[in-house]
Amino acid sequence: MILVRSVKVLDKFRVLLEFSDGEQKNVDLEPLLRGPIFEPLKQNPSLFRSVRVDEELGTIVWDNGADIDPDVLYGTHVPAWMESEKTPAA
């Protein structure tokens, strides 16, 4: 399992993440900030910049309780809400 080891806010909603396998990724979080728990992060730049790594969870978190799955951040999975929006092939 890949975990987040460090996070640095770059600008707006972009962060530089370092993962447990040593890989670093520049990630735009804006498309992932969906739903009521993420709305305050989109509205308040200071709150967004308070992002930190929760070592127990192995991912990024905010003080309002928001977090994002490390597999989504790494790019190996999509958020559950994206899965439910997929339309079946006709």
PDB file of N, CA and C in Angstrom:
ATOM      1  N   MET A   1       0.843  -1.191   0.000  1.00  0.00           N
ATOM      2  CA  MET A   1       0.000   0.000   0.000  1.00  0.00           C
ATOM      3  C   MET A   1       0.883   1.246   0.000  1.00  0.00           C
ATOM      4  N   ILE A   2       0.583   2.158  -0.905  1.00  0.00           N
ATOM      5  CA  ILE A   2       1.315   3.420  -1.015  1.00  0.00           C
ATOM      6  C   ILE A   2       0.689   4.428  -0.051  1.00  0.00           C
ATOM      7  N   LEU A   3       1.525   5.103   0.724  1.00  0.00           N
ATOM      8  CA  LEU A   3       1.063   6.108   1.680  1.00  0.00           C
ATOM      9  C   LEU A   3       1.718   7.451   1.380  1.00  0.00           C
ATOM     10  N   VAL A   4       1.087   8.516   1.832  1.00  0.00           N
ATOM     11  CA  VAL A   4       1.640   9.855   1.671  1.00  0.00           C
ATOM     12  C   VAL A   4       2.607  10.117   2.829  1.00  0.00           C
ATOM     13  N   ARG A   5       3.804  10.580   2.495  1.00  0.00           N
ATOM     14  CA  ARG A   5       4.820  10.888   3.512  1.00  0.00           C
ATOM     15  C   ARG A   5       4.957  12.386   3.772  1.00  0.00           C
ATOM     16  N   SER A   6       4.718  13.213   2.723  1.00  0.00           N
ATOM     17  CA  SER A   6       4.817  14.658   2.934  1.00  0.00           C
ATOM     18  C   SER A   6       3.935  15.388   1.937  1.00  0.00           C
ATOM     19  N   VAL A   7       3.559  16.621   2.318  1.00  0.00           N
ATOM     20  CA  VAL A   7       2.740  17.464   1.458  1.00  0.00           C
ATOM     21  C   VAL A   7       3.251  18.894   1.559  1.00  0.00           C
ATOM     22  N   LYS A   8       3.274  19.560   0.414  1.00  0.00           N
ATOM     23  CA  LYS A   8       3.648  20.978   0.353  1.00  0.00           C
ATOM     24  C   LYS A   8       2.671  21.658  -0.587  1.00  0.00           C
ATOM     25  N   VAL A   9       2.009  22.719  -0.116  1.00  0.00           N
ATOM     26  CA  VAL A   9       1.099  23.480  -0.975  1.00  0.00           C
ATOM     27  C   VAL A   9       1.938  24.314  -1.923  1.00  0.00           C
ATOM     28  N   LEU A  10       1.620  24.214  -3.216  1.00  0.00           N
ATOM     29  CA  LEU A  10       2.351  24.967  -4.242  1.00  0.00           C
ATOM     30  C   LEU A  10       1.621  26.259  -4.585  1.00  0.00           C
ATOM     31  N   ASP A  11       0.399  26.154  -5.064  1.00  0.00           N
ATOM     32  CA  ASP A  11      -0.428  27.318  -5.361  1.00  0.00           C
ATOM     33  C   ASP A  11      -1.861  26.856  -5.525  1.00  0.00           C
ATOM     34  N   LYS A  12      -2.776  27.786  -5.323  1.00  0.00           N
ATOM     35  CA  LYS A  12      -4.205  27.502  -5.429  1.00  0.00           C
ATOM     36  C   LYS A  12      -4.527  26.142  -4.800  1.00  0.00           C
ATOM     37  N   PHE A  13      -4.848  25.128  -5.611  1.00  0.00           N
ATOM     38  CA  PHE A  13      -5.202  23.805  -5.091  1.00  0.00           C
ATOM     39  C   PHE A  13      -4.169  22.742  -5.477  1.00  0.00           C
ATOM     40  N   ARG A  14      -2.979  23.181  -5.884  1.00  0.00           N
ATOM     41  CA  ARG A  14      -1.918  22.241  -6.261  1.00  0.00           C
ATOM     42  C   ARG A  14      -1.007  21.970  -5.062  1.00  0.00           C
ATOM     43  N   VAL A  15      -0.671  20.681  -4.916  1.00  0.00           N
ATOM     44  CA  VAL A  15       0.239  20.281  -3.849  1.00  0.00           C
ATOM     45  C   VAL A  15       1.320  19.372  -4.417  1.00  0.00           C
ATOM     46  N   LEU A  16       2.450  19.362  -3.752  1.00  0.00           N
ATOM     47  CA  LEU A  16       3.516  18.424  -4.065  1.00  0.00           C
ATOM     48  C   LEU A  16       3.462  17.352  -2.987  1.00  0.00           C
ATOM     49  N   LEU A  17       3.248  16.114  -3.420  1.00  0.00           N
ATOM     50  CA  LEU A  17       3.147  14.994  -2.498  1.00  0.00           C
ATOM     51  C   LEU A  17       4.347  14.077  -2.664  1.00  0.00           C
ATOM     52  N   GLU A  18       4.854  13.576  -1.544  1.00  0.00           N
ATOM     53  CA  GLU A  18       5.863  12.531  -1.586  1.00  0.00           C
ATOM     54  C   GLU A  18       5.235  11.279  -1.001  1.00  0.00           C
ATOM     55  N   PHE A  19       5.410  10.168  -1.713  1.00  0.00           N
ATOM     56  CA  PHE A  19       4.803   8.903  -1.316  1.00  0.00           C
ATOM     57  C   PHE A  19       5.831   7.958  -0.705  1.00  0.00           C
ATOM     58  N   SER A  20       5.333   6.915  -0.065  1.00  0.00           N
ATOM     59  CA  SER A  20       6.194   5.974   0.648  1.00  0.00           C
ATOM     60  C   SER A  20       7.147   5.207  -0.262  1.00  0.00           C
ATOM     61  N   ASP A  21       6.891   5.197  -1.565  1.00  0.00           N
ATOM     62  CA  ASP A  21       7.815   4.544  -2.494  1.00  0.00           C
ATOM     63  C   ASP A  21       8.875   5.517  -3.014  1.00  0.00           C
ATOM     64  N   GLY A  22       8.880   6.762  -2.479  1.00  0.00           N
ATOM     65  CA  GLY A  22       9.857   7.770  -2.871  1.00  0.00           C
ATOM     66  C   GLY A  22       9.424   8.645  -4.029  1.00  0.00           C
ATOM     67  N   GLU A  23       8.334   8.276  -4.695  1.00  0.00           N
ATOM     68  CA  GLU A  23       7.857   9.075  -5.828  1.00  0.00           C
ATOM     69  C   GLU A  23       7.258  10.388  -5.336  1.00  0.00           C
ATOM     70  N   GLN A  24       7.478  11.451  -6.114  1.00  0.00           N
ATOM     71  CA  GLN A  24       6.872  12.752  -5.844  1.00  0.00           C
ATOM     72  C   GLN A  24       5.930  13.082  -6.988  1.00  0.00           C
ATOM     73  N   LYS A  25       4.777  13.629  -6.633  1.00  0.00           N
ATOM     74  CA  LYS A  25       3.794  14.005  -7.652  1.00  0.00           C
ATOM     75  C   LYS A  25       3.242  15.384  -7.343  1.00  0.00           C
ATOM     76  N   ASN A  26       3.106  16.177  -8.404  1.00  0.00           N
ATOM     77  CA  ASN A  26       2.464  17.471  -8.338  1.00  0.00           C
ATOM     78  C   ASN A  26       0.995  17.210  -8.680  1.00  0.00           C
ATOM     79  N   VAL A  27       0.101  17.415  -7.718  1.00  0.00           N
ATOM     80  CA  VAL A  27      -1.302  17.027  -7.878  1.00  0.00           C
ATOM     81  C   VAL A  27      -2.220  18.244  -7.735  1.00  0.00           C
ATOM     82  N   ASP A  28      -3.114  18.411  -8.699  1.00  0.00           N
ATOM     83  CA  ASP A  28      -4.151  19.438  -8.609  1.00  0.00           C
ATOM     84  C   ASP A  28      -5.333  18.798  -7.896  1.00  0.00           C
ATOM     85  N   LEU A  29      -5.603  19.246  -6.678  1.00  0.00           N
ATOM     86  CA  LEU A  29      -6.673  18.659  -5.873  1.00  0.00           C
ATOM     87  C   LEU A  29      -8.053  19.217  -6.197  1.00  0.00           C
ATOM     88  N   GLU A  30      -8.124  20.309  -6.951  1.00  0.00           N
ATOM     89  CA  GLU A  30      -9.415  20.952  -7.191  1.00  0.00           C
ATOM     90  C   GLU A  30     -10.491  19.990  -7.700  1.00  0.00           C
ATOM     91  N   PRO A  31     -10.206  19.114  -8.674  1.00  0.00           N
ATOM     92  CA  PRO A  31     -11.259  18.206  -9.142  1.00  0.00           C
ATOM     93  C   PRO A  31     -11.722  17.200  -8.076  1.00  0.00           C
ATOM     94  N   LEU A  32     -10.906  16.996  -7.045  1.00  0.00           N
ATOM     95  CA  LEU A  32     -11.242  16.037  -5.997  1.00  0.00           C
ATOM     96  C   LEU A  32     -12.017  16.664  -4.841  1.00  0.00           C
ATOM     97  N   LEU A  33     -12.044  17.992  -4.790  1.00  0.00           N
ATOM     98  CA  LEU A  33     -12.682  18.700  -3.683  1.00  0.00           C
ATOM     99  C   LEU A  33     -14.174  18.846  -3.953  1.00  0.00           C
ATOM    100  N   ARG A  34     -14.878  17.762  -3.778  1.00  0.00           N
ATOM    101  CA  ARG A  34     -16.302  17.738  -4.079  1.00  0.00           C
ATOM    102  C   ARG A  34     -17.081  17.241  -2.857  1.00  0.00           C
ATOM    103  N   GLY A  35     -18.165  17.927  -2.558  1.00  0.00           N
ATOM    104  CA  GLY A  35     -19.004  17.536  -1.436  1.00  0.00           C
ATOM    105  C   GLY A  35     -18.893  18.513  -0.288  1.00  0.00           C
ATOM    106  N   PRO A  36     -19.816  18.401   0.656  1.00  0.00           N
ATOM    107  CA  PRO A  36     -19.900  19.367   1.755  1.00  0.00           C
ATOM    108  C   PRO A  36     -18.645  19.459   2.621  1.00  0.00           C
ATOM    109  N   ILE A  37     -17.937  18.365   2.824  1.00  0.00           N
ATOM    110  CA  ILE A  37     -16.744  18.405   3.681  1.00  0.00           C
ATOM    111  C   ILE A  37     -15.614  19.204   3.030  1.00  0.00           C
ATOM    112  N   PHE A  38     -15.599  19.243   1.680  1.00  0.00           N
ATOM    113  CA  PHE A  38     -14.535  19.947   0.965  1.00  0.00           C
ATOM    114  C   PHE A  38     -14.884  21.392   0.635  1.00  0.00           C
ATOM    115  N   GLU A  39     -16.148  21.760   0.707  1.00  0.00           N
ATOM    116  CA  GLU A  39     -16.576  23.126   0.355  1.00  0.00           C
ATOM    117  C   GLU A  39     -15.814  24.187   1.145  1.00  0.00           C
ATOM    118  N   PRO A  40     -15.641  24.036   2.480  1.00  0.00           N
ATOM    119  CA  PRO A  40     -14.879  25.052   3.226  1.00  0.00           C
ATOM    120  C   PRO A  40     -13.439  25.196   2.724  1.00  0.00           C
ATOM    121  N   LEU A  41     -12.844  24.114   2.241  1.00  0.00           N
ATOM    122  CA  LEU A  41     -11.476  24.176   1.732  1.00  0.00           C
ATOM    123  C   LEU A  41     -11.404  24.989   0.446  1.00  0.00           C
ATOM    124  N   LYS A  42     -12.444  24.884  -0.365  1.00  0.00           N
ATOM    125  CA  LYS A  42     -12.495  25.631  -1.615  1.00  0.00           C
ATOM    126  C   LYS A  42     -12.756  27.113  -1.363  1.00  0.00           C
ATOM    127  N   GLN A  43     -13.495  27.411  -0.313  1.00  0.00           N
ATOM    128  CA  GLN A  43     -13.876  28.789  -0.011  1.00  0.00           C
ATOM    129  C   GLN A  43     -12.842  29.537   0.821  1.00  0.00           C
ATOM    130  N   ASN A  44     -11.998  28.810   1.555  1.00  0.00           N
ATOM    131  CA  ASN A  44     -11.079  29.440   2.493  1.00  0.00           C
ATOM    132  C   ASN A  44      -9.644  28.989   2.195  1.00  0.00           C
ATOM    133  N   PRO A  45      -8.874  29.806   1.476  1.00  0.00           N
ATOM    134  CA  PRO A  45      -7.500  29.422   1.130  1.00  0.00           C
ATOM    135  C   PRO A  45      -6.636  29.097   2.348  1.00  0.00           C
ATOM    136  N   SER A  46      -6.844  29.800   3.450  1.00  0.00           N
ATOM    137  CA  SER A  46      -6.052  29.519   4.654  1.00  0.00           C
ATOM    138  C   SER A  46      -6.330  28.116   5.181  1.00  0.00           C
ATOM    139  N   LEU A  47      -7.600  27.730   5.165  1.00  0.00           N
ATOM    140  CA  LEU A  47      -7.957  26.381   5.612  1.00  0.00           C
ATOM    141  C   LEU A  47      -7.352  25.345   4.664  1.00  0.00           C
ATOM    142  N   PHE A  48      -7.422  25.580   3.357  1.00  0.00           N
ATOM    143  CA  PHE A  48      -6.821  24.639   2.413  1.00  0.00           C
ATOM    144  C   PHE A  48      -5.327  24.479   2.685  1.00  0.00           C
ATOM    145  N   ARG A  49      -4.638  25.598   2.924  1.00  0.00           N
ATOM    146  CA  ARG A  49      -3.190  25.557   3.152  1.00  0.00           C
ATOM    147  C   ARG A  49      -2.810  24.899   4.475  1.00  0.00           C
ATOM    148  N   SER A  50      -3.781  24.624   5.328  1.00  0.00           N
ATOM    149  CA  SER A  50      -3.488  23.956   6.601  1.00  0.00           C
ATOM    150  C   SER A  50      -3.359  22.433   6.430  1.00  0.00           C
ATOM    151  N   VAL A  51      -3.393  21.953   5.202  1.00  0.00           N
ATOM    152  CA  VAL A  51      -3.283  20.525   4.921  1.00  0.00           C
ATOM    153  C   VAL A  51      -2.016  19.955   5.568  1.00  0.00           C
ATOM    154  N   ARG A  52      -2.121  18.735   6.057  1.00  0.00           N
ATOM    155  CA  ARG A  52      -0.980  18.066   6.675  1.00  0.00           C
ATOM    156  C   ARG A  52      -1.118  16.567   6.447  1.00  0.00           C
ATOM    157  N   VAL A  53      -0.060  15.847   6.717  1.00  0.00           N
ATOM    158  CA  VAL A  53      -0.090  14.388   6.617  1.00  0.00           C
ATOM    159  C   VAL A  53      -0.445  13.813   7.978  1.00  0.00           C
ATOM    160  N   ASP A  54      -1.435  12.944   8.000  1.00  0.00           N
ATOM    161  CA  ASP A  54      -1.750  12.167   9.192  1.00  0.00           C
ATOM    162  C   ASP A  54      -0.984  10.853   9.047  1.00  0.00           C
ATOM    163  N   GLU A  55       0.044  10.682   9.861  1.00  0.00           N
ATOM    164  CA  GLU A  55       0.912   9.509   9.716  1.00  0.00           C
ATOM    165  C   GLU A  55       0.178   8.204  10.001  1.00  0.00           C
ATOM    166  N   GLU A  56      -0.809   8.247  10.865  1.00  0.00           N
ATOM    167  CA  GLU A  56      -1.585   7.034  11.166  1.00  0.00           C
ATOM    168  C   GLU A  56      -2.426   6.607   9.961  1.00  0.00           C
ATOM    169  N   LEU A  57      -3.035   7.588   9.290  1.00  0.00           N
ATOM    170  CA  LEU A  57      -3.857   7.293   8.112  1.00  0.00           C
ATOM    171  C   LEU A  57      -3.020   7.150   6.844  1.00  0.00           C
ATOM    172  N   GLY A  58      -1.855   7.792   6.826  1.00  0.00           N
ATOM    173  CA  GLY A  58      -0.991   7.727   5.656  1.00  0.00           C
ATOM    174  C   GLY A  58      -1.495   8.556   4.500  1.00  0.00           C
ATOM    175  N   THR A  59      -2.212   9.631   4.811  1.00  0.00           N
ATOM    176  CA  THR A  59      -2.728  10.500   3.755  1.00  0.00           C
ATOM    177  C   THR A  59      -2.838  11.927   4.260  1.00  0.00           C
ATOM    178  N   ILE A  60      -3.296  12.814   3.371  1.00  0.00           N
ATOM    179  CA  ILE A  60      -3.453  14.214   3.750  1.00  0.00           C
ATOM    180  C   ILE A  60      -4.815  14.431   4.398  1.00  0.00           C
ATOM    181  N   VAL A  61      -4.813  15.337   5.381  1.00  0.00           N
ATOM    182  CA  VAL A  61      -6.028  15.644   6.136  1.00  0.00           C
ATOM    183  C   VAL A  61      -6.085  17.144   6.413  1.00  0.00           C
ATOM    184  N   TRP A  62      -7.278  17.589   6.758  1.00  0.00           N
ATOM    185  CA  TRP A  62      -7.495  18.962   7.190  1.00  0.00           C
ATOM    186  C   TRP A  62      -8.210  18.930   8.536  1.00  0.00           C
ATOM    187  N   ASP A  63      -8.145  20.060   9.248  1.00  0.00           N
ATOM    188  CA  ASP A  63      -8.736  20.133  10.585  1.00  0.00           C
ATOM    189  C   ASP A  63     -10.252  19.972  10.605  1.00  0.00           C
ATOM    190  N   ASN A  64     -10.918  20.179   9.475  1.00  0.00           N
ATOM    191  CA  ASN A  64     -12.377  20.028   9.453  1.00  0.00           C
ATOM    192  C   ASN A  64     -12.807  18.567   9.262  1.00  0.00           C
ATOM    193  N   GLY A  65     -11.846  17.647   9.221  1.00  0.00           N
ATOM    194  CA  GLY A  65     -12.171  16.233   9.085  1.00  0.00           C
ATOM    195  C   GLY A  65     -12.053  15.690   7.675  1.00  0.00           C
ATOM    196  N   ALA A  66     -11.751  16.540   6.708  1.00  0.00           N
ATOM    197  CA  ALA A  66     -11.612  16.095   5.322  1.00  0.00           C
ATOM    198  C   ALA A  66     -10.298  15.335   5.148  1.00  0.00           C
ATOM    199  N   ASP A  67     -10.336  14.328   4.289  1.00  0.00           N
ATOM    200  CA  ASP A  67      -9.127  13.615   3.890  1.00  0.00           C
ATOM    201  C   ASP A  67      -9.364  13.035   2.497  1.00  0.00           C
ATOM    202  N   ILE A  68      -8.294  12.631   1.858  1.00  0.00           N
ATOM    203  CA  ILE A  68      -8.387  12.037   0.522  1.00  0.00           C
ATOM    204  C   ILE A  68      -7.582  10.744   0.530  1.00  0.00           C
ATOM    205  N   ASP A  69      -8.171   9.699   0.005  1.00  0.00           N
ATOM    206  CA  ASP A  69      -7.547   8.382  -0.052  1.00  0.00           C
ATOM    207  C   ASP A  69      -6.187   8.472  -0.744  1.00  0.00           C
ATOM    208  N   PRO A  70      -5.136   7.890  -0.152  1.00  0.00           N
ATOM    209  CA  PRO A  70      -3.816   7.965  -0.773  1.00  0.00           C
ATOM    210  C   PRO A  70      -3.767   7.292  -2.151  1.00  0.00           C
ATOM    211  N   ASP A  71      -4.576   6.264  -2.381  1.00  0.00           N
ATOM    212  CA  ASP A  71      -4.605   5.620  -3.700  1.00  0.00           C
ATOM    213  C   ASP A  71      -5.155   6.559  -4.764  1.00  0.00           C
ATOM    214  N   VAL A  72      -6.100   7.412  -4.377  1.00  0.00           N
ATOM    215  CA  VAL A  72      -6.633   8.421  -5.301  1.00  0.00           C
ATOM    216  C   VAL A  72      -5.545   9.452  -5.593  1.00  0.00           C
ATOM    217  N   LEU A  73      -4.845   9.887  -4.571  1.00  0.00           N
ATOM    218  CA  LEU A  73      -3.783  10.874  -4.750  1.00  0.00           C
ATOM    219  C   LEU A  73      -2.651  10.327  -5.618  1.00  0.00           C
ATOM    220  N   TYR A  74      -2.352   9.068  -5.464  1.00  0.00           N
ATOM    221  CA  TYR A  74      -1.272   8.433  -6.230  1.00  0.00           C
ATOM    222  C   TYR A  74      -1.677   8.216  -7.686  1.00  0.00           C
ATOM    223  N   GLY A  75      -2.984   8.118  -7.921  1.00  0.00           N
ATOM    224  CA  GLY A  75      -3.481   7.962  -9.278  1.00  0.00           C
ATOM    225  C   GLY A  75      -3.862   6.548  -9.655  1.00  0.00           C
ATOM    226  N   THR A  76      -3.899   5.643  -8.672  1.00  0.00           N
ATOM    227  CA  THR A  76      -4.252   4.260  -8.978  1.00  0.00           C
ATOM    228  C   THR A  76      -5.742   3.970  -8.814  1.00  0.00           C
ATOM    229  N   HIS A  77      -6.472   4.884  -8.204  1.00  0.00           N
ATOM    230  CA  HIS A  77      -7.916   4.733  -8.010  1.00  0.00           C
ATOM    231  C   HIS A  77      -8.610   6.064  -8.284  1.00  0.00           C
ATOM    232  N   VAL A  78      -9.910   6.009  -8.531  1.00  0.00           N
ATOM    233  CA  VAL A  78     -10.712   7.226  -8.640  1.00  0.00           C
ATOM    234  C   VAL A  78     -11.607   7.309  -7.414  1.00  0.00           C
ATOM    235  N   PRO A  79     -12.021   8.522  -7.038  1.00  0.00           N
ATOM    236  CA  PRO A  79     -12.917   8.660  -5.897  1.00  0.00           C
ATOM    237  C   PRO A  79     -14.218   7.882  -6.124  1.00  0.00           C
ATOM    238  N   ALA A  80     -14.820   7.438  -5.040  1.00  0.00           N
ATOM    239  CA  ALA A  80     -16.066   6.666  -5.125  1.00  0.00           C
ATOM    240  C   ALA A  80     -17.144   7.440  -5.879  1.00  0.00           C
ATOM    241  N   TRP A  81     -17.227   8.765  -5.673  1.00  0.00           N
ATOM    242  CA  TRP A  81     -18.271   9.531  -6.354  1.00  0.00           C
ATOM    243  C   TRP A  81     -18.066   9.523  -7.871  1.00  0.00           C
ATOM    244  N   MET A  82     -16.838   9.412  -8.329  1.00  0.00           N
ATOM    245  CA  MET A  82     -16.585   9.322  -9.773  1.00  0.00           C
ATOM    246  C   MET A  82     -17.042   7.967 -10.305  1.00  0.00           C
ATOM    247  N   GLU A  83     -16.856   6.928  -9.520  1.00  0.00           N
ATOM    248  CA  GLU A  83     -17.300   5.594  -9.915  1.00  0.00           C
ATOM    249  C   GLU A  83     -18.804   5.567 -10.137  1.00  0.00           C
ATOM    250  N   SER A  84     -19.543   6.211  -9.230  1.00  0.00           N
ATOM    251  CA  SER A  84     -21.003   6.182  -9.316  1.00  0.00           C
ATOM    252  C   SER A  84     -21.535   7.037 -10.462  1.00  0.00           C
ATOM    253  N   GLU A  85     -20.700   7.953 -10.977  1.00  0.00           N
ATOM    254  CA  GLU A  85     -21.138   8.800 -12.089  1.00  0.00           C
ATOM    255  C   GLU A  85     -20.880   8.159 -13.440  1.00  0.00           C
ATOM    256  N   LYS A  86     -20.103   7.088 -13.473  1.00  0.00           N
ATOM    257  CA  LYS A  86     -19.840   6.428 -14.748  1.00  0.00           C
ATOM    258  C   LYS A  86     -21.136   5.845 -15.289  1.00  0.00           C
ATOM    259  N   THR A  87     -21.332   6.046 -16.552  1.00  0.00           N
ATOM    260  CA  THR A  87     -22.530   5.485 -17.177  1.00  0.00           C
ATOM    261  C   THR A  87     -22.165   4.170 -17.840  1.00  0.00           C
ATOM    262  N   PRO A  88     -23.037   3.164 -17.717  1.00  0.00           N
ATOM    263  CA  PRO A  88     -22.729   1.884 -18.345  1.00  0.00           C
ATOM    264  C   PRO A  88     -22.665   2.002 -19.864  1.00  0.00           C
ATOM    265  N   ALA A  89     -21.802   1.199 -20.445  1.00  0.00           N
ATOM    266  CA  ALA A  89     -21.678   1.196 -21.901  1.00  0.00           C
ATOM    267  C   ALA A  89     -22.958   0.650 -22.523  1.00  0.00           C
ATOM    268  N   ALA A  90     -23.389   1.278 -23.595  1.00  0.00           N
ATOM    269  CA  ALA A  90     -24.616   0.840 -24.242  1.00  0.00           C
ATOM    270  C   ALA A  90     -24.357  -0.287 -25.212  1.00  0.00           C
TER     271      ALA A  90
END
